[in-house]
PDB file of N, CA and C in Angstrom:
ATOM      1  N   MET A   1      24.492 -14.112 -11.359  1.00  0.00           N
ATOM      2  CA  MET A   1      23.633 -14.059 -10.196  1.00  0.00           C
ATOM      3  C   MET A   1      22.262 -13.510 -10.621  1.00  0.00           C
ATOM      4  N   THR A   2      21.213 -14.191 -10.233  1.00  0.00           N
ATOM      5  CA  THR A   2      19.864 -13.721 -10.533  1.00  0.00           C
ATOM      6  C   THR A   2      19.202 -13.254  -9.252  1.00  0.00           C
ATOM      7  N   SER A   3      18.342 -12.301  -9.385  1.00  0.00           N
ATOM      8  CA  SER A   3      17.598 -11.828  -8.221  1.00  0.00           C
ATOM      9  C   SER A   3      16.113 -11.974  -8.504  1.00  0.00           C
ATOM     10  N   SER A   4      15.369 -12.143  -7.449  1.00  0.00           N
ATOM     11  CA  SER A   4      13.923 -12.279  -7.574  1.00  0.00           C
ATOM     12  C   SER A   4      13.263 -11.020  -7.037  1.00  0.00           C
ATOM     13  N   VAL A   5      12.228 -10.622  -7.713  1.00  0.00           N
ATOM     14  CA  VAL A   5      11.454  -9.468  -7.288  1.00  0.00           C
ATOM     15  C   VAL A   5      10.000  -9.899  -7.197  1.00  0.00           C
ATOM     16  N   ARG A   6       9.339  -9.507  -6.117  1.00  0.00           N
ATOM     17  CA  ARG A   6       7.908  -9.775  -5.969  1.00  0.00           C
ATOM     18  C   ARG A   6       7.195  -8.464  -5.760  1.00  0.00           C
ATOM     19  N   ILE A   7       6.021  -8.381  -6.286  1.00  0.00           N
ATOM     20  CA  ILE A   7       5.184  -7.204  -6.083  1.00  0.00           C
ATOM     21  C   ILE A   7       4.206  -7.527  -4.963  1.00  0.00           C
ATOM     22  N   ILE A   8       4.201  -6.669  -3.947  1.00  0.00           N
ATOM     23  CA  ILE A   8       3.304  -6.824  -2.802  1.00  0.00           C
ATOM     24  C   ILE A   8       2.551  -5.510  -2.629  1.00  0.00           C
ATOM     25  N   THR A   9       1.243  -5.614  -2.434  1.00  0.00           N
ATOM     26  CA  THR A   9       0.418  -4.425  -2.234  1.00  0.00           C
ATOM     27  C   THR A   9      -0.660  -4.746  -1.215  1.00  0.00           C
ATOM     28  N   ASP A  10      -1.319  -3.721  -0.709  1.00  0.00           N
ATOM     29  CA  ASP A  10      -2.454  -3.995   0.168  1.00  0.00           C
ATOM     30  C   ASP A  10      -3.731  -4.037  -0.669  1.00  0.00           C
ATOM     31  N   SER A  11      -4.803  -4.499  -0.043  1.00  0.00           N
ATOM     32  CA  SER A  11      -6.039  -4.733  -0.786  1.00  0.00           C
ATOM     33  C   SER A  11      -6.735  -3.452  -1.233  1.00  0.00           C
ATOM     34  N   ALA A  12      -6.267  -2.298  -0.806  1.00  0.00           N
ATOM     35  CA  ALA A  12      -6.844  -1.037  -1.278  1.00  0.00           C
ATOM     36  C   ALA A  12      -6.524  -0.787  -2.748  1.00  0.00           C
ATOM     37  N   CYS A  13      -5.601  -1.557  -3.312  1.00  0.00           N
ATOM     38  CA  CYS A  13      -5.230  -1.368  -4.722  1.00  0.00           C
ATOM     39  C   CYS A  13      -6.384  -1.704  -5.659  1.00  0.00           C
ATOM     40  N   ASP A  14      -7.309  -2.563  -5.228  1.00  0.00           N
ATOM     41  CA  ASP A  14      -8.463  -2.967  -6.034  1.00  0.00           C
ATOM     42  C   ASP A  14      -8.097  -3.488  -7.415  1.00  0.00           C
ATOM     43  N   LEU A  15      -7.003  -4.214  -7.510  1.00  0.00           N
ATOM     44  CA  LEU A  15      -6.645  -4.867  -8.768  1.00  0.00           C
ATOM     45  C   LEU A  15      -7.584  -6.045  -8.996  1.00  0.00           C
ATOM     46  N   PRO A  16      -7.959  -6.312 -10.230  1.00  0.00           N
ATOM     47  CA  PRO A  16      -8.810  -7.473 -10.514  1.00  0.00           C
ATOM     48  C   PRO A  16      -8.091  -8.774 -10.141  1.00  0.00           C
ATOM     49  N   ASP A  17      -8.842  -9.731  -9.616  1.00  0.00           N
ATOM     50  CA  ASP A  17      -8.262 -11.014  -9.200  1.00  0.00           C
ATOM     51  C   ASP A  17      -7.500 -11.691 -10.335  1.00  0.00           C
ATOM     52  N   ALA A  18      -8.023 -11.600 -11.555  1.00  0.00           N
ATOM     53  CA  ALA A  18      -7.355 -12.242 -12.694  1.00  0.00           C
ATOM     54  C   ALA A  18      -5.957 -11.661 -12.909  1.00  0.00           C
ATOM     55  N   LEU A  19      -5.813 -10.351 -12.779  1.00  0.00           N
ATOM     56  CA  LEU A  19      -4.514  -9.704 -12.953  1.00  0.00           C
ATOM     57  C   LEU A  19      -3.563 -10.071 -11.816  1.00  0.00           C
ATOM     58  N   VAL A  20      -4.083 -10.117 -10.603  1.00  0.00           N
ATOM     59  CA  VAL A  20      -3.279 -10.505  -9.438  1.00  0.00           C
ATOM     60  C   VAL A  20      -2.704 -11.901  -9.645  1.00  0.00           C
ATOM     61  N   GLN A  21      -3.534 -12.824 -10.094  1.00  0.00           N
ATOM     62  CA  GLN A  21      -3.080 -14.194 -10.326  1.00  0.00           C
ATOM     63  C   GLN A  21      -2.112 -14.272 -11.501  1.00  0.00           C
ATOM     64  N   GLN A  22      -2.420 -13.575 -12.575  1.00  0.00           N
ATOM     65  CA  GLN A  22      -1.579 -13.608 -13.777  1.00  0.00           C
ATOM     66  C   GLN A  22      -0.164 -13.114 -13.486  1.00  0.00           C
ATOM     67  N   LEU A  23      -0.045 -12.055 -12.706  1.00  0.00           N
ATOM     68  CA  LEU A  23       1.257 -11.455 -12.429  1.00  0.00           C
ATOM     69  C   LEU A  23       1.895 -11.944 -11.132  1.00  0.00           C
ATOM     70  N   GLY A  24       1.178 -12.790 -10.385  1.00  0.00           N
ATOM     71  CA  GLY A  24       1.721 -13.320  -9.135  1.00  0.00           C
ATOM     72  C   GLY A  24       1.906 -12.257  -8.066  1.00  0.00           C
ATOM     73  N   ILE A  25       0.989 -11.300  -8.023  1.00  0.00           N
ATOM     74  CA  ILE A  25       1.063 -10.212  -7.048  1.00  0.00           C
ATOM     75  C   ILE A  25       0.545 -10.708  -5.700  1.00  0.00           C
ATOM     76  N   GLU A  26       1.264 -10.380  -4.646  1.00  0.00           N
ATOM     77  CA  GLU A  26       0.843 -10.717  -3.278  1.00  0.00           C
ATOM     78  C   GLU A  26      -0.009  -9.564  -2.754  1.00  0.00           C
ATOM     79  N   VAL A  27      -1.243  -9.864  -2.345  1.00  0.00           N
ATOM     80  CA  VAL A  27      -2.144  -8.837  -1.822  1.00  0.00           C
ATOM     81  C   VAL A  27      -2.346  -9.075  -0.328  1.00  0.00           C
ATOM     82  N   VAL A  28      -1.970  -8.087   0.466  1.00  0.00           N
ATOM     83  CA  VAL A  28      -2.133  -8.153   1.919  1.00  0.00           C
ATOM     84  C   VAL A  28      -3.483  -7.513   2.251  1.00  0.00           C
ATOM     85  N   PRO A  29      -4.402  -8.276   2.853  1.00  0.00           N
ATOM     86  CA  PRO A  29      -5.732  -7.732   3.113  1.00  0.00           C
ATOM     87  C   PRO A  29      -5.732  -6.716   4.256  1.00  0.00           C
ATOM     88  N   LEU A  30      -6.541  -5.690   4.088  1.00  0.00           N
ATOM     89  CA  LEU A  30      -6.743  -4.688   5.130  1.00  0.00           C
ATOM     90  C   LEU A  30      -7.947  -5.070   5.978  1.00  0.00           C
ATOM     91  N   PHE A  31      -7.960  -4.600   7.208  1.00  0.00           N
ATOM     92  CA  PHE A  31      -9.137  -4.723   8.056  1.00  0.00           C
ATOM     93  C   PHE A  31      -9.980  -3.474   7.835  1.00  0.00           C
ATOM     94  N   ILE A  32     -11.273  -3.673   7.602  1.00  0.00           N
ATOM     95  CA  ILE A  32     -12.188  -2.564   7.338  1.00  0.00           C
ATOM     96  C   ILE A  32     -13.257  -2.569   8.416  1.00  0.00           C
ATOM     97  N   ARG A  33     -13.521  -1.394   8.969  1.00  0.00           N
ATOM     98  CA  ARG A  33     -14.530  -1.281  10.027  1.00  0.00           C
ATOM     99  C   ARG A  33     -15.738  -0.492   9.555  1.00  0.00           C
ATOM    100  N   PHE A  34     -16.893  -1.030   9.892  1.00  0.00           N
ATOM    101  CA  PHE A  34     -18.168  -0.343   9.741  1.00  0.00           C
ATOM    102  C   PHE A  34     -18.815  -0.394  11.111  1.00  0.00           C
ATOM    103  N   GLY A  35     -18.751   0.696  11.859  1.00  0.00           N
ATOM    104  CA  GLY A  35     -19.269   0.689  13.226  1.00  0.00           C
ATOM    105  C   GLY A  35     -18.503  -0.317  14.060  1.00  0.00           C
ATOM    106  N   ASP A  36     -19.211  -1.278  14.636  1.00  0.00           N
ATOM    107  CA  ASP A  36     -18.576  -2.317  15.456  1.00  0.00           C
ATOM    108  C   ASP A  36     -18.130  -3.525  14.636  1.00  0.00           C
ATOM    109  N   ASP A  37     -18.493  -3.568  13.364  1.00  0.00           N
ATOM    110  CA  ASP A  37     -18.112  -4.689  12.499  1.00  0.00           C
ATOM    111  C   ASP A  37     -16.703  -4.480  11.951  1.00  0.00           C
ATOM    112  N   GLU A  38     -15.866  -5.490  12.099  1.00  0.00           N
ATOM    113  CA  GLU A  38     -14.523  -5.453  11.520  1.00  0.00           C
ATOM    114  C   GLU A  38     -14.404  -6.627  10.552  1.00  0.00           C
ATOM    115  N   LEU A  39     -14.115  -6.330   9.293  1.00  0.00           N
ATOM    116  CA  LEU A  39     -14.077  -7.344   8.245  1.00  0.00           C
ATOM    117  C   LEU A  39     -12.731  -7.326   7.542  1.00  0.00           C
ATOM    118  N   ILE A  40     -12.328  -8.485   7.025  1.00  0.00           N
ATOM    119  CA  ILE A  40     -11.077  -8.594   6.285  1.00  0.00           C
ATOM    120  C   ILE A  40     -11.390  -8.410   4.803  1.00  0.00           C
ATOM    121  N   ASP A  41     -10.783  -7.371   4.227  1.00  0.00           N
ATOM    122  CA  ASP A  41     -11.008  -7.050   2.821  1.00  0.00           C
ATOM    123  C   ASP A  41     -10.618  -8.227   1.930  1.00  0.00           C
ATOM    124  N   ARG A  42     -11.471  -8.512   0.949  1.00  0.00           N
ATOM    125  CA  ARG A  42     -11.300  -9.592  -0.038  1.00  0.00           C
ATOM    126  C   ARG A  42     -11.536 -10.992   0.534  1.00  0.00           C
ATOM    127  N   GLU A  43     -11.569 -11.122   1.859  1.00  0.00           N
ATOM    128  CA  GLU A  43     -11.839 -12.432   2.458  1.00  0.00           C
ATOM    129  C   GLU A  43     -13.252 -12.484   3.027  1.00  0.00           C
ATOM    130  N   GLN A  44     -13.663 -11.418   3.693  1.00  0.00           N
ATOM    131  CA  GLN A  44     -14.994 -11.362   4.288  1.00  0.00           C
ATOM    132  C   GLN A  44     -15.865 -10.284   3.650  1.00  0.00           C
ATOM    133  N   LEU A  45     -15.295  -9.541   2.714  1.00  0.00           N
ATOM    134  CA  LEU A  45     -16.000  -8.410   2.128  1.00  0.00           C
ATOM    135  C   LEU A  45     -15.528  -8.209   0.690  1.00  0.00           C
ATOM    136  N   THR A  46     -16.469  -8.245  -0.242  1.00  0.00           N
ATOM    137  CA  THR A  46     -16.115  -7.988  -1.642  1.00  0.00           C
ATOM    138  C   THR A  46     -16.122  -6.482  -1.896  1.00  0.00           C
ATOM    139  N   THR A  47     -15.586  -6.081  -3.029  1.00  0.00           N
ATOM    140  CA  THR A  47     -15.589  -4.665  -3.393  1.00  0.00           C
ATOM    141  C   THR A  47     -17.019  -4.144  -3.509  1.00  0.00           C
ATOM    142  N   SER A  48     -17.903  -4.939  -4.094  1.00  0.00           N
ATOM    143  CA  SER A  48     -19.313  -4.541  -4.226  1.00  0.00           C
ATOM    144  C   SER A  48     -19.963  -4.354  -2.867  1.00  0.00           C
ATOM    145  N   GLN A  49     -19.702  -5.287  -1.956  1.00  0.00           N
ATOM    146  CA  GLN A  49     -20.263  -5.180  -0.610  1.00  0.00           C
ATOM    147  C   GLN A  49     -19.723  -3.950   0.117  1.00  0.00           C
ATOM    148  N   PHE A  50     -18.441  -3.652  -0.089  1.00  0.00           N
ATOM    149  CA  PHE A  50     -17.844  -2.475   0.530  1.00  0.00           C
ATOM    150  C   PHE A  50     -18.581  -1.213   0.104  1.00  0.00           C
ATOM    151  N   TRP A  51     -18.764  -1.027  -1.216  1.00  0.00           N
ATOM    152  CA  TRP A  51     -19.413   0.187  -1.710  1.00  0.00           C
ATOM    153  C   TRP A  51     -20.885   0.235  -1.325  1.00  0.00           C
ATOM    154  N   GLU A  52     -21.519  -0.920  -1.256  1.00  0.00           N
ATOM    155  CA  GLU A  52     -22.915  -0.964  -0.818  1.00  0.00           C
ATOM    156  C   GLU A  52     -23.033  -0.481   0.626  1.00  0.00           C
ATOM    157  N   ARG A  53     -22.123  -0.936   1.481  1.00  0.00           N
ATOM    158  CA  ARG A  53     -22.163  -0.519   2.887  1.00  0.00           C
ATOM    159  C   ARG A  53     -21.791   0.947   3.047  1.00  0.00           C
ATOM    160  N   CYS A  54     -20.935   1.460   2.189  1.00  0.00           N
ATOM    161  CA  CYS A  54     -20.568   2.883   2.248  1.00  0.00           C
ATOM    162  C   CYS A  54     -21.753   3.780   1.895  1.00  0.00           C
ATOM    163  N   SER A  55     -22.639   3.283   1.057  1.00  0.00           N
ATOM    164  CA  SER A  55     -23.765   4.102   0.601  1.00  0.00           C
ATOM    165  C   SER A  55     -24.954   4.073   1.556  1.00  0.00           C
ATOM    166  N   THR A  56     -24.903   3.227   2.571  1.00  0.00           N
ATOM    167  CA  THR A  56     -26.034   3.152   3.515  1.00  0.00           C
ATOM    168  C   THR A  56     -25.753   3.907   4.782  1.00  0.00           C
TER     169      THR A  56
END
């Protein structure tokens, strides 16, 4: 009998996309709020954009 294991994490892990694809990791995106703006991490907001908005 064989069993399958999958690694699932949320987008706060900040793993590089290449590693996520290489290892077949499932990343569940978080919703991030800046004031009234609500964005989906990794879909509507990159890591660079996140840190840029945090600094303003």
